[in-house]
Amino acid sequence: MFATWIGANANNGTWYIGGVIAACGFVTSSTLLICVGILSYVLLALVSLAGFETGLNSMNLMRGAFGVKGSLLPSVINVIQFIGWAAVNTYIAAISVSFILRDIFGWSASNQQLDRVGLFAGIIIMSLLHLLSISLGEKSVRWIERIGIILVTIFVIWESIIVLKMVPFHEIVKWRPQASLRLDNGVAIDTLAAFNLAWVTAAADFSRYAKNKKSAVSASFFGANIGLIWFALMGVIATIATAITLDKFDPNNSDPSTIATKLGLGVLALVVIMLTSTTANAVNLMAAGSAATNIFTKLKLKPALWIVTGVATLVTFIPAYIATFLETFELFLNGVGMFLGPEIAVFLVDYFIIHQHTYQIDDFDQVQGQYWYTKGINLRALLAWLIGVILYFVLRQLHVVNVTVGATFISMLVTAGIYLSLMKRIKNK
């Protein structure tokens, strides 16, 4: 369990997040990284506890709050977002493959057509690796995570030594981006929150297999935080070191493959980046497949995994044709943060406060049972969620929010308060 959650965050996407928030400067980005990580993964630990106590995956648990049919909407969002995360990690790893192919065949760095061929080949190669890993089932995921942890540890130590030899740490600490490229604190908080909350909606998928309550809660909380802080911080440091070395900061080049190449880390570094993509996507694809089985109840997990892997492969090609990868990534994160925060708030209030840790699991499939609500949908949950989504969107338009605390956690608190008020009113009646 501990290795799974470290491996979930010790990957390309986490490094890239570190590179993006590096635009806040080292001190601010590292502080926000720790604070937002702790806050987000307290929520992860709570959902992990719910998974252990009920033995259900995350999207099945949503039936308690949103209704038997209402849970389909969170499930659809989960399928979409984890396919998106799988595509993000695959795309970044595919960049590594394209660099390796360029080195093997001696392609010119300025030949964009050959670069695109290399990128497409990388997407296909990585997708086949992911399909192989998840096809072997839950045991293969377990071994992938264990092996991945060892490889990631070696890589990060090696990269840290090289980077800090090239650029003294005190220079990294005092570095600041030019004003036009600086990232506002609130935007950085929302970026980190969207990244972290994605895992919260999958926590029960894995904690239901935990041996005891302590491992379900503590392994997820500490594992996810260690993976996040460890790898994102290296993304921050490597991106700033690259900016200092080249005397130019470009947030579009925050992916680990580009940084490793510019720092001269060699082909072995690119191979390790490819392997870390596989460890992360084992979790992403498992979560997407699990959510798909809640939508299509007759669909078995293994075929669901094959389907979501195929869709993720197709989605991975999108950034190659639309704008820059950074713009596509930021747009994706905005969507994730807008929908997931209020959804999580509704579920946590329902399970821990309204139902006091107790769901009648036998009623989860029952028409006219206590979770049927109105034609299978808890309209109050959907109303609170919708208000939270709209509030997030409105808050993101306000400059004062973007430069201070961000919109995510405000919208979650408001959503929680509204849902609790609506449900208590029903109980009082």
Protein backbone atom coordinates (compact mmCIF):
# COMPACT_ATOMS: atom_id res chain seq x y z
CA MET A 1 0.00 0.00 0.00
CA PHE A 2 2.83 2.35 0.93
CA ALA A 3 4.73 1.55 -2.29
CA THR A 4 1.57 2.00 -4.37
CA TRP A 5 1.02 5.54 -3.12
CA ILE A 6 4.66 6.56 -3.38
CA GLY A 7 4.69 5.13 -6.91
CA ALA A 8 1.45 6.94 -7.74
CA ASN A 9 3.20 10.29 -7.24
CA ALA A 10 6.82 9.45 -8.02
CA ASN A 11 6.36 9.89 -11.73
CA ASN A 12 6.55 12.14 -14.78
CA GLY A 13 3.34 14.05 -14.07
CA THR A 14 4.47 14.98 -10.56
CA TRP A 15 7.82 16.18 -11.88
CA TYR A 16 5.99 18.24 -14.48
CA ILE A 17 3.77 19.79 -11.77
CA GLY A 18 6.96 20.77 -9.93
CA GLY A 19 8.29 22.36 -13.11
CA VAL A 20 5.07 24.34 -13.58
CA ILE A 21 4.94 25.75 -10.02
CA ALA A 22 8.67 26.55 -10.19
CA ALA A 23 7.42 29.80 -11.72
CA CYS A 24 6.61 30.87 -8.12
CA GLY A 25 10.29 30.66 -7.12
CA PHE A 26 11.85 27.92 -4.97
CA VAL A 27 10.78 29.06 -1.49
CA THR A 28 7.14 29.74 -2.39
CA SER A 29 6.71 26.66 -4.58
CA SER A 30 8.24 24.28 -2.02
CA THR A 31 6.15 25.77 0.81
CA LEU A 32 2.92 25.47 -1.20
CA LEU A 33 3.88 21.96 -2.26
CA ILE A 34 4.09 20.78 1.35
CA CYS A 35 1.02 22.65 2.66
CA VAL A 36 -1.35 21.73 -0.18
CA GLY A 37 -0.05 18.15 -0.17
CA ILE A 38 -0.75 17.66 3.54
CA LEU A 39 -4.21 19.21 3.31
CA SER A 40 -5.19 17.25 0.19
CA TYR A 41 -3.94 13.93 1.47
CA VAL A 42 -5.77 14.24 4.77
CA LEU A 43 -8.82 13.93 2.50
CA LEU A 44 -7.13 10.98 0.75
CA ALA A 45 -6.67 9.27 4.11
CA LEU A 46 -10.36 9.81 4.97
CA VAL A 47 -11.54 8.26 1.69
CA SER A 48 -9.05 5.43 2.26
CA LEU A 49 -10.63 4.83 5.66
CA ALA A 50 -14.10 4.68 4.08
CA GLY A 51 -12.83 2.15 1.54
CA PHE A 52 -11.35 -0.05 4.26
CA GLU A 53 -14.47 0.13 6.44
CA THR A 54 -16.87 -0.75 3.62
CA GLY A 55 -14.70 -2.89 1.33
CA LEU A 56 -15.99 -0.92 -1.67
CA ASN A 57 -14.17 1.02 -4.36
CA SER A 58 -14.52 4.80 -4.53
CA MET A 59 -17.22 5.02 -7.19
CA ASN A 60 -19.40 2.36 -5.55
CA LEU A 61 -19.15 4.41 -2.36
CA MET A 62 -20.52 7.43 -4.22
CA ARG A 63 -23.88 5.65 -4.33
CA GLY A 64 -24.35 6.55 -0.67
CA ALA A 65 -24.14 10.28 -1.30
CA PHE A 66 -25.31 10.70 -4.90
CA GLY A 67 -27.75 7.80 -5.18
CA VAL A 68 -27.65 4.48 -7.01
CA LYS A 69 -28.01 6.17 -10.41
CA GLY A 70 -26.57 9.53 -9.35
CA SER A 71 -23.18 7.89 -8.75
CA LEU A 72 -22.84 7.42 -12.50
CA LEU A 73 -21.90 11.09 -12.95
CA PRO A 74 -18.88 10.97 -10.58
CA SER A 75 -17.94 7.67 -12.22
CA VAL A 76 -17.95 9.23 -15.70
CA ILE A 77 -15.81 12.12 -14.44
CA ASN A 78 -13.39 9.66 -12.83
CA VAL A 79 -13.06 7.63 -16.02
CA ILE A 80 -12.37 10.83 -17.98
CA GLN A 81 -9.87 12.30 -15.53
CA PHE A 82 -7.84 9.11 -15.02
CA ILE A 83 -7.73 8.50 -18.75
CA GLY A 84 -6.48 12.10 -18.94
CA TRP A 85 -3.77 11.48 -16.33
CA ALA A 86 -2.72 8.28 -18.09
CA ALA A 87 -2.44 10.29 -21.31
CA VAL A 88 -0.36 12.99 -19.58
CA ASN A 89 2.14 10.46 -18.22
CA THR A 90 2.24 8.58 -21.52
CA TYR A 91 2.87 11.77 -23.50
CA ILE A 92 5.76 12.83 -21.23
CA ALA A 93 7.28 9.33 -21.43
CA ALA A 94 6.80 9.38 -25.22
CA ILE A 95 8.98 12.49 -25.35
CA SER A 96 11.72 10.38 -23.75
CA VAL A 97 11.25 7.71 -26.41
CA SER A 98 11.47 10.33 -29.18
CA PHE A 99 14.75 11.66 -27.72
CA ILE A 100 16.14 8.11 -27.53
CA LEU A 101 15.15 7.41 -31.15
CA ARG A 102 16.72 10.71 -32.22
CA ASP A 103 19.95 9.65 -30.50
CA ILE A 104 19.89 6.12 -32.00
CA PHE A 105 19.17 7.20 -35.58
CA GLY A 106 21.04 10.50 -35.49
CA TRP A 107 18.00 12.62 -36.38
CA SER A 108 18.47 16.36 -36.50
CA ALA A 109 16.97 18.19 -33.52
CA SER A 110 15.48 20.74 -35.92
CA ASN A 111 13.60 18.16 -38.01
CA GLN A 112 10.04 18.52 -36.68
CA GLN A 113 8.61 15.79 -38.92
CA LEU A 114 11.01 13.17 -37.57
CA ASP A 115 10.40 14.43 -34.02
CA ARG A 116 6.67 13.85 -34.51
CA VAL A 117 7.34 10.35 -35.87
CA GLY A 118 9.45 9.65 -32.79
CA LEU A 119 6.74 11.05 -30.50
CA PHE A 120 4.01 8.93 -32.11
CA ALA A 121 6.22 5.85 -31.91
CA GLY A 122 6.80 6.65 -28.24
CA ILE A 123 3.06 6.88 -27.56
CA ILE A 124 2.46 3.48 -29.14
CA ILE A 125 5.41 1.85 -27.33
CA MET A 126 4.37 3.26 -23.94
CA SER A 127 0.74 2.28 -24.47
CA LEU A 128 1.75 -1.31 -25.23
CA LEU A 129 3.83 -1.39 -22.03
CA HIS A 130 0.87 -0.07 -20.03
CA LEU A 131 -1.49 -2.61 -21.59
CA LEU A 132 0.91 -5.42 -20.72
CA SER A 133 1.30 -4.25 -17.12
CA ILE A 134 -2.42 -3.91 -16.31
CA SER A 135 -3.39 -7.07 -18.21
CA LEU A 136 -1.48 -9.16 -15.69
CA GLY A 137 -3.82 -8.00 -12.91
CA GLU A 138 -3.53 -6.61 -9.39
CA LYS A 139 -0.42 -8.66 -8.55
CA SER A 140 1.47 -7.19 -11.49
CA VAL A 141 0.56 -3.68 -10.31
CA ARG A 142 1.98 -4.57 -6.91
CA TRP A 143 5.29 -5.73 -8.41
CA ILE A 144 5.49 -2.81 -10.82
CA GLU A 145 5.18 -0.42 -7.87
CA ARG A 146 7.88 -2.23 -5.86
CA ILE A 147 10.36 -2.33 -8.72
CA GLY A 148 9.45 1.21 -9.74
CA ILE A 149 10.27 2.54 -6.25
CA ILE A 150 13.82 1.17 -6.48
CA LEU A 151 14.39 2.64 -9.95
CA VAL A 152 12.90 5.99 -9.01
CA THR A 153 15.07 6.20 -5.87
CA ILE A 154 18.25 5.56 -7.85
CA PHE A 155 17.23 8.06 -10.55
CA VAL A 156 16.32 10.89 -8.18
CA ILE A 157 19.54 10.52 -6.16
CA TRP A 158 21.60 10.45 -9.34
CA GLU A 159 19.80 13.43 -10.85
CA SER A 160 20.07 15.40 -7.58
CA ILE A 161 23.86 14.93 -7.49
CA ILE A 162 24.28 16.04 -11.13
CA VAL A 163 21.98 19.06 -10.81
CA LEU A 164 23.52 20.34 -7.58
CA LYS A 165 27.01 19.89 -9.02
CA MET A 166 26.03 22.09 -11.95
CA VAL A 167 24.13 24.75 -9.98
CA PRO A 168 24.77 25.53 -6.28
CA PHE A 169 21.70 25.15 -4.09
CA HIS A 170 21.87 28.74 -2.81
CA GLU A 171 21.50 29.99 -6.40
CA ILE A 172 18.39 27.84 -6.85
CA VAL A 173 16.89 29.25 -3.63
CA LYS A 174 17.43 32.89 -4.59
CA TRP A 175 16.32 32.51 -8.25
CA ARG A 176 13.18 34.36 -9.34
CA PRO A 177 11.39 34.19 -12.72
CA GLN A 178 10.78 37.37 -14.66
CA ALA A 179 7.53 39.11 -13.71
CA SER A 180 5.71 38.18 -16.94
CA LEU A 181 6.27 34.45 -16.31
CA ARG A 182 5.64 34.43 -12.55
CA LEU A 183 2.81 32.18 -11.35
CA ASP A 184 0.37 33.64 -8.79
CA ASN A 185 0.15 31.82 -5.44
CA GLY A 186 -3.58 31.08 -5.75
CA VAL A 187 -3.16 29.64 -9.24
CA ALA A 188 -0.32 27.43 -7.96
CA ILE A 189 -2.53 26.23 -5.08
CA ASP A 190 -5.34 25.34 -7.49
CA THR A 191 -2.87 23.57 -9.80
CA LEU A 192 -1.48 21.47 -6.95
CA ALA A 193 -4.95 20.81 -5.49
CA ALA A 194 -6.28 19.54 -8.83
CA PHE A 195 -3.31 17.20 -9.13
CA ASN A 196 -3.68 15.89 -5.55
CA LEU A 197 -7.47 15.59 -5.44
CA ALA A 198 -7.44 13.32 -8.48
CA TRP A 199 -5.93 10.60 -6.28
CA VAL A 200 -8.47 11.22 -3.51
CA THR A 201 -11.28 9.94 -5.75
CA ALA A 202 -9.39 6.65 -6.24
CA ALA A 203 -8.23 6.09 -2.67
CA ALA A 204 -10.79 3.43 -1.74
CA ASP A 205 -9.96 1.40 -4.86
CA PHE A 206 -6.72 0.40 -3.13
CA SER A 207 -7.38 0.83 0.61
CA ARG A 208 -10.14 -1.80 0.52
CA TYR A 209 -7.31 -4.36 0.13
CA ALA A 210 -5.42 -3.06 3.20
CA LYS A 211 -4.67 -5.48 6.04
CA ASN A 212 -5.84 -3.10 8.75
CA LYS A 213 -7.15 0.41 9.38
CA LYS A 214 -3.73 1.82 10.24
CA SER A 215 -2.16 0.78 6.94
CA ALA A 216 -5.22 1.96 4.99
CA VAL A 217 -4.95 5.46 6.46
CA SER A 218 -1.27 6.04 7.21
CA ALA A 219 0.21 4.26 4.16
CA SER A 220 -1.93 6.32 1.79
CA PHE A 221 -1.31 9.64 3.59
CA PHE A 222 2.46 9.29 4.04
CA GLY A 223 3.08 7.41 0.79
CA ALA A 224 1.28 9.98 -1.36
CA ASN A 225 2.94 12.92 0.42
CA ILE A 226 6.42 11.43 0.18
CA GLY A 227 5.96 10.72 -3.54
CA LEU A 228 4.55 14.20 -4.17
CA ILE A 229 7.09 16.24 -2.22
CA TRP A 230 10.01 14.09 -3.31
CA PHE A 231 9.37 14.13 -7.06
CA ALA A 232 7.68 17.52 -7.47
CA LEU A 233 10.49 19.15 -5.51
CA MET A 234 12.98 17.60 -7.89
CA GLY A 235 10.89 19.01 -10.72
CA VAL A 236 11.14 22.45 -9.12
CA ILE A 237 14.90 22.19 -8.58
CA ALA A 238 15.67 20.74 -12.02
CA THR A 239 13.54 23.33 -13.81
CA ILE A 240 15.15 26.22 -11.94
CA ALA A 241 18.63 24.73 -12.46
CA THR A 242 17.93 24.48 -16.19
CA ALA A 243 16.72 28.09 -16.24
CA ILE A 244 19.90 29.25 -14.50
CA THR A 245 22.14 27.14 -16.75
CA LEU A 246 20.51 28.36 -19.97
CA ASP A 247 19.86 31.87 -18.58
CA LYS A 248 16.25 31.47 -19.70
CA PHE A 249 13.11 30.16 -18.01
CA ASP A 250 10.57 28.45 -20.24
CA PRO A 251 7.65 26.72 -18.43
CA ASN A 252 6.89 24.82 -21.63
CA ASN A 253 10.09 22.82 -21.07
CA SER A 254 9.19 21.61 -17.57
CA ASP A 255 8.78 17.95 -18.52
CA PRO A 256 11.49 15.61 -17.16
CA SER A 257 12.55 14.34 -20.59
CA THR A 258 13.43 17.80 -21.92
CA ILE A 259 15.15 18.78 -18.67
CA ALA A 260 17.14 15.52 -18.50
CA THR A 261 18.32 16.08 -22.08
CA LYS A 262 19.31 19.72 -21.49
CA LEU A 263 21.15 18.78 -18.30
CA GLY A 264 22.99 16.02 -20.17
CA LEU A 265 21.70 13.15 -18.02
CA GLY A 266 21.84 10.69 -20.92
CA VAL A 267 19.73 7.88 -22.35
CA LEU A 268 19.58 5.92 -19.09
CA ALA A 269 17.67 8.80 -17.45
CA LEU A 270 15.16 8.75 -20.30
CA VAL A 271 14.66 4.99 -19.88
CA VAL A 272 13.94 5.45 -16.17
CA ILE A 273 11.41 8.18 -16.99
CA MET A 274 9.66 5.70 -19.29
CA LEU A 275 9.53 3.10 -16.52
CA THR A 276 8.14 5.56 -13.96
CA SER A 277 5.32 6.29 -16.38
CA THR A 278 4.39 2.62 -16.20
CA THR A 279 4.30 2.66 -12.38
CA ALA A 280 2.03 5.71 -12.31
CA ASN A 281 -0.26 4.55 -15.08
CA ALA A 282 -0.78 1.19 -13.42
CA VAL A 283 -2.68 3.17 -10.74
CA ASN A 284 -4.34 5.60 -13.19
CA LEU A 285 -5.68 2.88 -15.47
CA MET A 286 -6.79 0.69 -12.56
CA ALA A 287 -8.78 3.64 -11.15
CA ALA A 288 -10.34 4.42 -14.56
CA GLY A 289 -11.24 0.78 -15.14
CA SER A 290 -12.74 0.47 -11.67
CA ALA A 291 -14.93 3.55 -12.26
CA ALA A 292 -16.04 2.12 -15.62
CA THR A 293 -17.32 -1.03 -13.89
CA ASN A 294 -19.59 1.15 -11.72
CA ILE A 295 -21.08 2.65 -14.90
CA PHE A 296 -21.42 -0.66 -16.74
CA THR A 297 -22.16 -3.12 -13.96
CA LYS A 298 -21.85 -6.18 -16.23
CA LEU A 299 -18.38 -5.14 -17.39
CA LYS A 300 -15.56 -7.09 -15.76
CA LEU A 301 -12.44 -5.27 -14.53
CA LYS A 302 -9.93 -6.72 -17.01
CA PRO A 303 -11.89 -5.84 -20.18
CA ALA A 304 -12.57 -2.43 -18.63
CA LEU A 305 -8.82 -1.94 -18.22
CA TRP A 306 -8.20 -2.83 -21.86
CA ILE A 307 -10.86 -0.37 -23.00
CA VAL A 308 -9.61 2.58 -20.91
CA THR A 309 -6.01 1.89 -21.99
CA GLY A 310 -7.08 2.02 -25.65
CA VAL A 311 -8.98 5.27 -25.12
CA ALA A 312 -6.04 6.76 -23.18
CA THR A 313 -3.78 5.95 -26.13
CA LEU A 314 -6.03 7.91 -28.49
CA VAL A 315 -6.26 10.84 -26.04
CA THR A 316 -2.45 10.97 -25.79
CA PHE A 317 -2.26 12.12 -29.42
CA ILE A 318 -4.33 15.26 -28.71
CA PRO A 319 -1.51 17.50 -27.32
CA ALA A 320 0.50 16.83 -30.48
CA TYR A 321 -2.12 18.75 -32.48
CA ILE A 322 -3.62 21.30 -30.07
CA ALA A 323 -1.61 24.33 -28.81
CA THR A 324 1.32 23.49 -26.52
CA PHE A 325 1.42 20.66 -24.04
CA LEU A 326 1.52 23.16 -21.16
CA GLU A 327 -1.68 24.89 -22.33
CA THR A 328 -3.44 21.54 -22.77
CA PHE A 329 -2.23 20.42 -19.34
CA GLU A 330 -3.40 23.60 -17.57
CA LEU A 331 -6.81 23.38 -19.23
CA PHE A 332 -7.11 19.77 -18.08
CA LEU A 333 -6.15 20.70 -14.50
CA ASN A 334 -8.74 23.49 -14.37
CA GLY A 335 -11.45 21.01 -15.32
CA VAL A 336 -10.26 18.47 -12.76
CA GLY A 337 -10.18 21.01 -9.92
CA MET A 338 -13.57 22.48 -10.78
CA PHE A 339 -15.43 19.14 -10.60
CA LEU A 340 -13.49 17.01 -8.11
CA GLY A 341 -13.28 19.37 -5.12
CA PRO A 342 -17.07 19.76 -4.63
CA GLU A 343 -17.64 16.06 -5.38
CA ILE A 344 -15.21 15.01 -2.65
CA ALA A 345 -16.74 17.51 -0.20
CA VAL A 346 -20.23 16.02 -0.72
CA PHE A 347 -19.02 12.45 -0.22
CA LEU A 348 -16.99 13.15 2.94
CA VAL A 349 -19.86 15.03 4.60
CA ASP A 350 -22.30 12.25 3.68
CA TYR A 351 -20.18 9.35 4.90
CA PHE A 352 -18.57 10.79 8.02
CA ILE A 353 -21.21 13.26 9.26
CA ILE A 354 -24.63 12.34 7.82
CA HIS A 355 -24.23 8.55 7.97
CA GLN A 356 -21.59 8.33 10.73
CA HIS A 357 -19.30 5.79 8.96
CA THR A 358 -22.24 3.47 8.33
CA TYR A 359 -23.66 2.62 4.91
CA GLN A 360 -26.13 -0.22 4.43
CA ILE A 361 -24.22 -1.88 1.61
CA ASP A 362 -27.04 -4.28 0.73
CA ASP A 363 -29.17 -1.27 -0.25
CA PHE A 364 -26.63 0.02 -2.78
CA ASP A 365 -28.29 -1.97 -5.60
CA GLN A 366 -31.86 -1.73 -4.39
CA VAL A 367 -34.59 0.13 -6.23
CA GLN A 368 -36.63 2.03 -3.61
CA GLY A 369 -33.91 1.41 -1.00
CA GLN A 370 -32.59 4.18 1.23
CA TYR A 371 -30.05 5.25 -1.43
CA TRP A 372 -32.61 5.43 -4.20
CA TYR A 373 -33.57 8.98 -3.17
CA THR A 374 -35.50 10.53 -6.12
CA LYS A 375 -35.58 8.04 -9.00
CA GLY A 376 -32.11 6.84 -8.04
CA ILE A 377 -30.59 10.32 -7.69
CA ASN A 378 -29.89 12.44 -4.59
CA LEU A 379 -30.89 15.82 -5.99
CA ARG A 380 -29.52 17.64 -2.94
CA ALA A 381 -26.07 16.20 -3.51
CA LEU A 382 -26.18 17.22 -7.17
CA LEU A 383 -27.39 20.73 -6.25
CA ALA A 384 -24.61 21.24 -3.71
CA TRP A 385 -22.08 19.89 -6.21
CA LEU A 386 -23.34 22.17 -8.98
CA ILE A 387 -23.15 25.23 -6.72
CA GLY A 388 -19.57 24.27 -5.81
CA VAL A 389 -18.58 23.90 -9.47
CA ILE A 390 -20.10 27.28 -10.39
CA LEU A 391 -18.47 28.94 -7.36
CA TYR A 392 -15.06 27.56 -8.36
CA PHE A 393 -15.48 28.96 -11.86
CA VAL A 394 -16.53 32.38 -10.54
CA LEU A 395 -13.71 32.55 -7.98
CA ARG A 396 -11.11 31.77 -10.63
CA GLN A 397 -12.11 34.99 -12.41
CA LEU A 398 -11.24 37.09 -9.33
CA HIS A 399 -7.70 38.49 -9.17
CA VAL A 400 -7.66 38.60 -5.37
CA VAL A 401 -8.40 34.86 -5.22
CA ASN A 402 -5.77 33.99 -7.84
CA VAL A 403 -3.00 35.83 -5.97
CA THR A 404 -3.90 34.51 -2.51
CA VAL A 405 -5.61 31.22 -1.55
CA GLY A 406 -7.07 29.95 -4.83
CA ALA A 407 -10.59 28.72 -5.52
CA THR A 408 -10.42 24.98 -4.75
CA PHE A 409 -10.62 24.80 -0.98
CA ILE A 410 -13.09 27.70 -0.70
CA SER A 411 -15.49 25.96 -3.10
CA MET A 412 -15.08 22.69 -1.16
CA LEU A 413 -15.93 24.33 2.19
CA VAL A 414 -18.98 26.07 0.75
CA THR A 415 -20.16 22.86 -0.94
CA ALA A 416 -19.76 20.90 2.31
CA GLY A 417 -21.74 23.52 4.24
CA ILE A 418 -24.56 23.63 1.68
CA TYR A 419 -24.87 19.84 1.48
CA LEU A 420 -24.86 19.42 5.25
CA SER A 421 -27.55 22.10 5.60
CA LEU A 422 -29.75 20.51 2.92
CA MET A 423 -29.49 17.01 4.37
CA LYS A 424 -30.08 18.13 7.97
CA ARG A 425 -33.22 19.96 6.84
CA ILE A 426 -34.56 16.67 5.45
CA LYS A 427 -33.76 14.81 8.66
CA ASN A 428 -35.46 17.49 10.75
CA LYS A 429 -38.62 17.10 8.64
